[in-house]
């Protein structure tokens, strides 16, 4: 049983797994991009509520989607 788990995965399974991970990464990047765009649109009152300055919001909103 354990020896079966240690065998290399068939190429089709590895490709499928890779595609799922890529799709998850793209979705994560999209969510990050949308969130940053929304952050850049918040007014001063809402920024104060979450403890950010306008400069902090602009800095975060200006980051590329792939950067954490």
C-alpha atoms as a PDB file:
ATOM      1  CA  UNK A   1       0.000   0.000   0.000  1.00  0.00           C
ATOM      2  CA  UNK A   2       2.677   2.511   0.999  1.00  0.00           C
ATOM      3  CA  UNK A   3       4.841   1.513  -1.948  1.00  0.00           C
ATOM      4  CA  UNK A   4       1.979   2.464  -4.294  1.00  0.00           C
ATOM      5  CA  UNK A   5       1.883   5.965  -2.787  1.00  0.00           C
ATOM      6  CA  UNK A   6       5.605   6.405  -3.339  1.00  0.00           C
ATOM      7  CA  UNK A   7       5.452   5.610  -7.053  1.00  0.00           C
ATOM      8  CA  UNK A   8       5.748   8.589  -9.427  1.00  0.00           C
ATOM      9  CA  UNK A   9       2.419  10.005 -10.444  1.00  0.00           C
ATOM     10  CA  UNK A  10       1.315   9.455 -14.031  1.00  0.00           C
ATOM     11  CA  UNK A  11       2.050  12.470 -16.223  1.00  0.00           C
ATOM     12  CA  UNK A  12      -1.652  13.237 -16.690  1.00  0.00           C
ATOM     13  CA  UNK A  13      -2.192  13.498 -12.922  1.00  0.00           C
ATOM     14  CA  UNK A  14       0.869  15.723 -12.470  1.00  0.00           C
ATOM     15  CA  UNK A  15      -0.314  17.998 -15.287  1.00  0.00           C
ATOM     16  CA  UNK A  16      -3.805  18.216 -13.778  1.00  0.00           C
ATOM     17  CA  UNK A  17      -2.356  19.054 -10.359  1.00  0.00           C
ATOM     18  CA  UNK A  18      -0.110  21.717 -11.893  1.00  0.00           C
ATOM     19  CA  UNK A  19      -3.066  23.263 -13.723  1.00  0.00           C
ATOM     20  CA  UNK A  20      -5.104  23.397 -10.514  1.00  0.00           C
ATOM     21  CA  UNK A  21      -2.264  25.124  -8.681  1.00  0.00           C
ATOM     22  CA  UNK A  22      -1.882  27.617 -11.500  1.00  0.00           C
ATOM     23  CA  UNK A  23      -5.620  28.364 -11.451  1.00  0.00           C
ATOM     24  CA  UNK A  24      -5.478  28.887  -7.679  1.00  0.00           C
ATOM     25  CA  UNK A  25      -2.523  31.251  -8.034  1.00  0.00           C
ATOM     26  CA  UNK A  26      -4.304  33.273 -10.727  1.00  0.00           C
ATOM     27  CA  UNK A  27      -7.424  33.533  -8.568  1.00  0.00           C
ATOM     28  CA  UNK A  28      -5.320  34.652  -5.592  1.00  0.00           C
ATOM     29  CA  UNK A  29      -3.605  37.304  -7.719  1.00  0.00           C
ATOM     30  CA  UNK A  30      -6.974  38.530  -9.033  1.00  0.00           C
ATOM     31  CA  UNK A  31      -8.387  38.831  -5.510  1.00  0.00           C
ATOM     32  CA  UNK A  32      -5.264  40.700  -4.396  1.00  0.00           C
ATOM     33  CA  UNK A  33      -5.514  43.087  -7.353  1.00  0.00           C
ATOM     34  CA  UNK A  34      -9.207  43.803  -6.752  1.00  0.00           C
ATOM     35  CA  UNK A  35      -8.630  44.298  -3.023  1.00  0.00           C
ATOM     36  CA  UNK A  36      -5.822  46.756  -3.634  1.00  0.00           C
ATOM     37  CA  UNK A  37      -7.899  48.711  -6.125  1.00  0.00           C
ATOM     38  CA  UNK A  38     -10.731  48.945  -3.594  1.00  0.00           C
ATOM     39  CA  UNK A  39      -8.303  49.995  -0.868  1.00  0.00           C
ATOM     40  CA  UNK A  40      -7.162  52.857  -3.069  1.00  0.00           C
ATOM     41  CA  UNK A  41     -10.775  54.073  -3.336  1.00  0.00           C
ATOM     42  CA  UNK A  42     -11.572  54.197   0.388  1.00  0.00           C
ATOM     43  CA  UNK A  43     -12.295  57.568   1.930  1.00  0.00           C
ATOM     44  CA  UNK A  44     -10.412  59.020   4.903  1.00  0.00           C
ATOM     45  CA  UNK A  45     -13.020  57.870   7.439  1.00  0.00           C
ATOM     46  CA  UNK A  46     -12.831  54.237   6.337  1.00  0.00           C
ATOM     47  CA  UNK A  47      -9.050  54.305   6.181  1.00  0.00           C
ATOM     48  CA  UNK A  48      -8.973  55.647   9.725  1.00  0.00           C
ATOM     49  CA  UNK A  49     -11.311  52.820  10.815  1.00  0.00           C
ATOM     50  CA  UNK A  50      -8.828  50.218   9.591  1.00  0.00           C
ATOM     51  CA  UNK A  51      -5.798  52.121  10.881  1.00  0.00           C
ATOM     52  CA  UNK A  52      -4.263  53.195   7.570  1.00  0.00           C
ATOM     53  CA  UNK A  53      -3.205  56.576   6.291  1.00  0.00           C
ATOM     54  CA  UNK A  54      -3.871  57.746   2.737  1.00  0.00           C
ATOM     55  CA  UNK A  55      -0.163  57.236   2.002  1.00  0.00           C
ATOM     56  CA  UNK A  56      -0.340  53.636   3.297  1.00  0.00           C
ATOM     57  CA  UNK A  57      -3.354  52.945   1.091  1.00  0.00           C
ATOM     58  CA  UNK A  58      -1.680  54.429  -1.996  1.00  0.00           C
ATOM     59  CA  UNK A  59       1.493  52.446  -1.292  1.00  0.00           C
ATOM     60  CA  UNK A  60      -0.439  49.176  -1.009  1.00  0.00           C
ATOM     61  CA  UNK A  61      -2.711  49.949  -3.970  1.00  0.00           C
ATOM     62  CA  UNK A  62       0.317  50.673  -6.137  1.00  0.00           C
ATOM     63  CA  UNK A  63       1.950  47.285  -5.603  1.00  0.00           C
ATOM     64  CA  UNK A  64       1.849  44.812  -8.489  1.00  0.00           C
ATOM     65  CA  UNK A  65      -0.531  41.876  -8.055  1.00  0.00           C
ATOM     66  CA  UNK A  66       2.240  39.328  -7.660  1.00  0.00           C
ATOM     67  CA  UNK A  67       3.930  41.094  -4.737  1.00  0.00           C
ATOM     68  CA  UNK A  68       2.662  40.295  -1.244  1.00  0.00           C
END
